C-alpha atoms as a PDB file:
ATOM      1  CA  MET A   1     -18.894  -5.235 -13.169  1.00  0.00           C
ATOM      2  CA  THR A   2     -22.293  -6.855 -12.964  1.00  0.00           C
ATOM      3  CA  ILE A   3     -24.281  -7.592  -9.837  1.00  0.00           C
ATOM      4  CA  TRP A   4     -23.532 -11.297 -10.058  1.00  0.00           C
ATOM      5  CA  GLY A   5     -19.873 -10.586 -10.750  1.00  0.00           C
ATOM      6  CA  GLU A   6     -19.704  -8.556  -7.556  1.00  0.00           C
ATOM      7  CA  ARG A   7     -21.440 -11.307  -5.604  1.00  0.00           C
ATOM      8  CA  LEU A   8     -19.133 -13.959  -7.071  1.00  0.00           C
ATOM      9  CA  ALA A   9     -16.078 -11.875  -6.145  1.00  0.00           C
ATOM     10  CA  ALA A  10     -17.433 -11.562  -2.608  1.00  0.00           C
ATOM     11  CA  ALA A  11     -17.994 -15.319  -2.378  1.00  0.00           C
ATOM     12  CA  ILE A  12     -14.443 -16.023  -3.597  1.00  0.00           C
ATOM     13  CA  ALA A  13     -13.109 -13.534  -1.058  1.00  0.00           C
ATOM     14  CA  VAL A  14     -14.999 -15.309   1.741  1.00  0.00           C
ATOM     15  CA  VAL A  15     -13.613 -18.695   0.665  1.00  0.00           C
ATOM     16  CA  PHE A  16     -10.085 -17.256   0.583  1.00  0.00           C
ATOM     17  CA  ALA A  17     -10.560 -15.650   4.003  1.00  0.00           C
ATOM     18  CA  LEU A  18     -11.801 -18.924   5.483  1.00  0.00           C
ATOM     19  CA  PHE A  19      -8.814 -20.752   3.984  1.00  0.00           C
ATOM     20  CA  VAL A  20      -6.372 -18.247   5.525  1.00  0.00           C
ATOM     21  CA  MET A  21      -8.120 -18.416   8.877  1.00  0.00           C
ATOM     22  CA  TYR A  22      -8.199 -22.236   8.862  1.00  0.00           C
ATOM     23  CA  THR A  23      -4.527 -22.442   7.909  1.00  0.00           C
ATOM     24  CA  ALA A  24      -3.499 -20.054  10.674  1.00  0.00           C
ATOM     25  CA  TRP A  25      -5.798 -21.456  13.353  1.00  0.00           C
ATOM     26  CA  ASN A  26      -3.128 -23.287  15.375  1.00  0.00           C
ATOM     27  CA  PHE A  27      -0.129 -21.025  14.892  1.00  0.00           C
ATOM     28  CA  PRO A  28       1.990 -20.973  18.061  1.00  0.00           C
ATOM     29  CA  ALA A  29       2.471 -17.954  20.340  1.00  0.00           C
ATOM     30  CA  ASN A  30      -0.727 -16.180  19.244  1.00  0.00           C
ATOM     31  CA  GLY A  31       0.543 -16.052  15.666  1.00  0.00           C
ATOM     32  CA  ASP A  32      -2.987 -16.774  14.525  1.00  0.00           C
ATOM     33  CA  LEU A  33      -4.434 -13.449  15.672  1.00  0.00           C
ATOM     34  CA  PHE A  34      -3.420 -11.321  12.693  1.00  0.00           C
ATOM     35  CA  PRO A  35      -4.528 -13.831   9.994  1.00  0.00           C
ATOM     36  CA  LYS A  36      -7.845 -14.282  11.813  1.00  0.00           C
ATOM     37  CA  PHE A  37      -8.290 -10.509  12.051  1.00  0.00           C
ATOM     38  CA  CYS A  38      -7.550 -10.120   8.326  1.00  0.00           C
ATOM     39  CA  GLY A  39      -9.918 -12.981   7.507  1.00  0.00           C
ATOM     40  CA  PHE A  40     -12.765 -11.489   9.520  1.00  0.00           C
ATOM     41  CA  GLY A  41     -12.063  -8.101   7.921  1.00  0.00           C
ATOM     42  CA  LEU A  42     -12.218  -9.640   4.444  1.00  0.00           C
ATOM     43  CA  ILE A  43     -15.478 -11.405   5.288  1.00  0.00           C
ATOM     44  CA  PHE A  44     -16.901  -8.084   6.533  1.00  0.00           C
ATOM     45  CA  ILE A  45     -15.865  -6.323   3.301  1.00  0.00           C
ATOM     46  CA  ALA A  46     -17.359  -9.149   1.231  1.00  0.00           C
ATOM     47  CA  GLY A  47     -20.587  -8.720   3.174  1.00  0.00           C
ATOM     48  CA  LEU A  48     -20.563  -5.014   2.348  1.00  0.00           C
ATOM     49  CA  MET A  49     -20.054  -5.874  -1.316  1.00  0.00           C
ATOM     50  CA  VAL A  50     -23.128  -8.132  -1.312  1.00  0.00           C
ATOM     51  CA  LEU A  51     -25.118  -5.550   0.628  1.00  0.00           C
ATOM     52  CA  ARG A  52     -24.232  -2.930  -1.999  1.00  0.00           C
ATOM     53  CA  THR A  53     -25.572  -5.163  -4.770  1.00  0.00           C
ATOM     54  CA  ILE A  54     -28.890  -5.383  -2.890  1.00  0.00           C
ATOM     55  CA  SER A  55     -29.202  -1.785  -1.713  1.00  0.00           C
ATOM     56  CA  SER A  56     -28.047   0.056  -4.836  1.00  0.00           C
ATOM     57  CA  PRO A  57     -28.280  -2.070  -7.969  1.00  0.00           C
ATOM     58  CA  ALA A  58     -28.275   1.059 -10.154  1.00  0.00           C
ATOM     59  CA  VAL A  59     -24.505   1.327  -9.627  1.00  0.00           C
ATOM     60  CA  PHE A  60     -24.068  -1.837 -11.682  1.00  0.00           C
ATOM     61  CA  GLU A  61     -26.450  -0.880 -14.486  1.00  0.00           C
ATOM     62  CA  SER A  62     -24.485   2.089 -15.802  1.00  0.00           C
ATOM     63  CA  ASN A  63     -22.371   2.033 -18.930  1.00  0.00           C
ATOM     64  CA  ALA A  64     -18.941   0.462 -18.836  1.00  0.00           C
ATOM     65  CA  PRO A  65     -16.435   2.813 -17.226  1.00  0.00           C
ATOM     66  CA  ARG A  66     -13.670   4.382 -19.260  1.00  0.00           C
ATOM     67  CA  ILE A  67     -10.202   3.243 -18.379  1.00  0.00           C
ATOM     68  CA  HIS A  68      -7.718   5.996 -17.600  1.00  0.00           C
ATOM     69  CA  TRP A  69      -4.376   4.243 -17.935  1.00  0.00           C
ATOM     70  CA  GLY A  70      -2.490   6.868 -15.967  1.00  0.00           C
ATOM     71  CA  GLU A  71      -4.753   6.390 -12.962  1.00  0.00           C
ATOM     72  CA  GLU A  72      -5.012   2.625 -13.410  1.00  0.00           C
ATOM     73  CA  LEU A  73      -1.226   2.143 -13.439  1.00  0.00           C
ATOM     74  CA  LYS A  74      -0.517   4.434 -10.488  1.00  0.00           C
ATOM     75  CA  PRO A  75      -0.953   1.719  -7.778  1.00  0.00           C
ATOM     76  CA  LEU A  76       1.392  -0.571  -9.700  1.00  0.00           C
ATOM     77  CA  LEU A  77       3.987   2.180 -10.023  1.00  0.00           C
ATOM     78  CA  ILE A  78       3.735   2.988  -6.304  1.00  0.00           C
ATOM     79  CA  THR A  79       4.159  -0.698  -5.460  1.00  0.00           C
ATOM     80  CA  ALA A  80       7.178  -0.924  -7.752  1.00  0.00           C
ATOM     81  CA  ALA A  81       8.667   2.204  -6.145  1.00  0.00           C
ATOM     82  CA  VAL A  82       8.245   0.755  -2.638  1.00  0.00           C
ATOM     83  CA  ILE A  83       9.850  -2.533  -3.695  1.00  0.00           C
ATOM     84  CA  ALA A  84      12.729  -0.692  -5.357  1.00  0.00           C
ATOM     85  CA  TYR A  85      13.170   1.457  -2.231  1.00  0.00           C
ATOM     86  CA  VAL A  86      13.482  -1.640  -0.070  1.00  0.00           C
ATOM     87  CA  LEU A  87      15.890  -3.296  -2.498  1.00  0.00           C
ATOM     88  CA  ILE A  88      18.257  -0.301  -2.825  1.00  0.00           C
ATOM     89  CA  PHE A  89      18.021   0.693   0.829  1.00  0.00           C
ATOM     90  CA  PHE A  90      21.267  -0.990   1.897  1.00  0.00           C
ATOM     91  CA  LYS A  91      23.172  -0.370  -1.332  1.00  0.00           C
ATOM     92  CA  LEU A  92      22.605   3.376  -1.668  1.00  0.00           C
ATOM     93  CA  GLY A  93      22.053   4.093   1.997  1.00  0.00           C
ATOM     94  CA  TYR A  94      19.057   5.242   3.971  1.00  0.00           C
ATOM     95  CA  TYR A  95      19.215   8.948   3.238  1.00  0.00           C
ATOM     96  CA  THR A  96      20.032   8.677  -0.470  1.00  0.00           C
ATOM     97  CA  SER A  97      17.369   6.068  -1.161  1.00  0.00           C
ATOM     98  CA  SER A  98      14.866   8.027   0.933  1.00  0.00           C
ATOM     99  CA  ALA A  99      15.570  11.161  -1.113  1.00  0.00           C
ATOM    100  CA  LEU A 100      14.934   9.271  -4.342  1.00  0.00           C
ATOM    101  CA  PHE A 101      11.823   7.713  -2.841  1.00  0.00           C
ATOM    102  CA  LEU A 102      10.518  11.137  -1.787  1.00  0.00           C
ATOM    103  CA  ILE A 103      10.983  12.537  -5.274  1.00  0.00           C
ATOM    104  CA  ILE A 104       9.342   9.547  -6.971  1.00  0.00           C
ATOM    105  CA  MET A 105       6.399   9.463  -4.555  1.00  0.00           C
ATOM    106  CA  ALA A 106       5.850  13.211  -4.879  1.00  0.00           C
ATOM    107  CA  TRP A 107       5.799  12.864  -8.663  1.00  0.00           C
ATOM    108  CA  LEU A 108       3.374   9.907  -8.491  1.00  0.00           C
ATOM    109  CA  ALA A 109       1.140  11.864  -6.105  1.00  0.00           C
ATOM    110  CA  GLY A 110       0.886  14.633  -8.680  1.00  0.00           C
ATOM    111  CA  VAL A 111       3.260  17.211  -7.203  1.00  0.00           C
ATOM    112  CA  ARG A 112       4.968  18.817 -10.187  1.00  0.00           C
ATOM    113  CA  SER A 113       6.570  21.797  -8.483  1.00  0.00           C
ATOM    114  CA  VAL A 114      10.315  21.275  -8.177  1.00  0.00           C
ATOM    115  CA  LYS A 115      10.392  24.079  -5.616  1.00  0.00           C
ATOM    116  CA  THR A 116       7.895  22.278  -3.363  1.00  0.00           C
ATOM    117  CA  ILE A 117       9.782  18.995  -3.553  1.00  0.00           C
ATOM    118  CA  ALA A 118      13.110  20.732  -2.869  1.00  0.00           C
ATOM    119  CA  ILE A 119      11.774  22.620   0.144  1.00  0.00           C
ATOM    120  CA  THR A 120      10.278  19.399   1.503  1.00  0.00           C
ATOM    121  CA  ALA A 121      13.594  17.589   1.106  1.00  0.00           C
ATOM    122  CA  ILE A 122      15.598  20.455   2.604  1.00  0.00           C
ATOM    123  CA  ILE A 123      13.376  20.466   5.683  1.00  0.00           C
ATOM    124  CA  THR A 124      12.723  16.729   6.004  1.00  0.00           C
ATOM    125  CA  PHE A 125      16.162  15.170   5.660  1.00  0.00           C
ATOM    126  CA  PRO A 126      18.033  17.165   8.296  1.00  0.00           C
ATOM    127  CA  LEU A 127      15.171  16.411  10.687  1.00  0.00           C
ATOM    128  CA  MET A 128      15.335  12.714   9.799  1.00  0.00           C
ATOM    129  CA  TYR A 129      19.090  12.703  10.319  1.00  0.00           C
ATOM    130  CA  ALA A 130      18.786  14.470  13.676  1.00  0.00           C
ATOM    131  CA  PHE A 131      16.053  12.131  14.854  1.00  0.00           C
ATOM    132  CA  PHE A 132      17.613   8.834  13.778  1.00  0.00           C
ATOM    133  CA  GLU A 133      21.320   9.531  14.170  1.00  0.00           C
ATOM    134  CA  LEU A 134      21.481  11.989  17.055  1.00  0.00           C
ATOM    135  CA  PHE A 135      18.374  11.333  19.133  1.00  0.00           C
ATOM    136  CA  LEU A 136      17.883   7.582  18.625  1.00  0.00           C
ATOM    137  CA  GLN A 137      21.519   6.815  17.712  1.00  0.00           C
ATOM    138  CA  ALA A 138      20.179   4.266  15.246  1.00  0.00           C
ATOM    139  CA  ARG A 139      23.082   4.212  12.755  1.00  0.00           C
ATOM    140  CA  MET A 140      21.061   3.982   9.599  1.00  0.00           C
ATOM    141  CA  PRO A 141      22.656   2.188   6.602  1.00  0.00           C
ATOM    142  CA  ARG A 142      25.200   4.468   4.943  1.00  0.00           C
ATOM    143  CA  GLY A 143      25.474   2.859   1.501  1.00  0.00           C
ATOM    144  CA  ILE A 144      27.929   3.927  -1.197  1.00  0.00           C
ATOM    145  CA  LEU A 145      27.093   7.617  -1.468  1.00  0.00           C
ATOM    146  CA  ILE A 146      27.168   8.711   2.181  1.00  0.00           C
END
């Protein structure tokens, strides 16, 4: 990305933040606090982006970075896994979908040891069951498998 590309992205982010803040300004029951907080945070980050273009322009003068597709797709795969987890939560049940989610997230995080994942599951899921079902008496969704 070039210096002016970074500055343009920061300016667009500020405009978007101002739009969100203006839209949420009169939400009832203090519903405007979180959008305003996010807007101010985005404006602060945009300011840091512009400051970086002024303080260290050498960052933008290097050669074009190489794209590593495995690393570039990882956030999309994690997002897809979270969405799938939420969608299958009530169909498969809390504990079954959480076990699948644990395995997928461990794999996406780079854990390749089946032994490590199995030990984590063996320790984690009885503790989750004891905490939610016995201590909190929460009655988590059972689903079709449990």
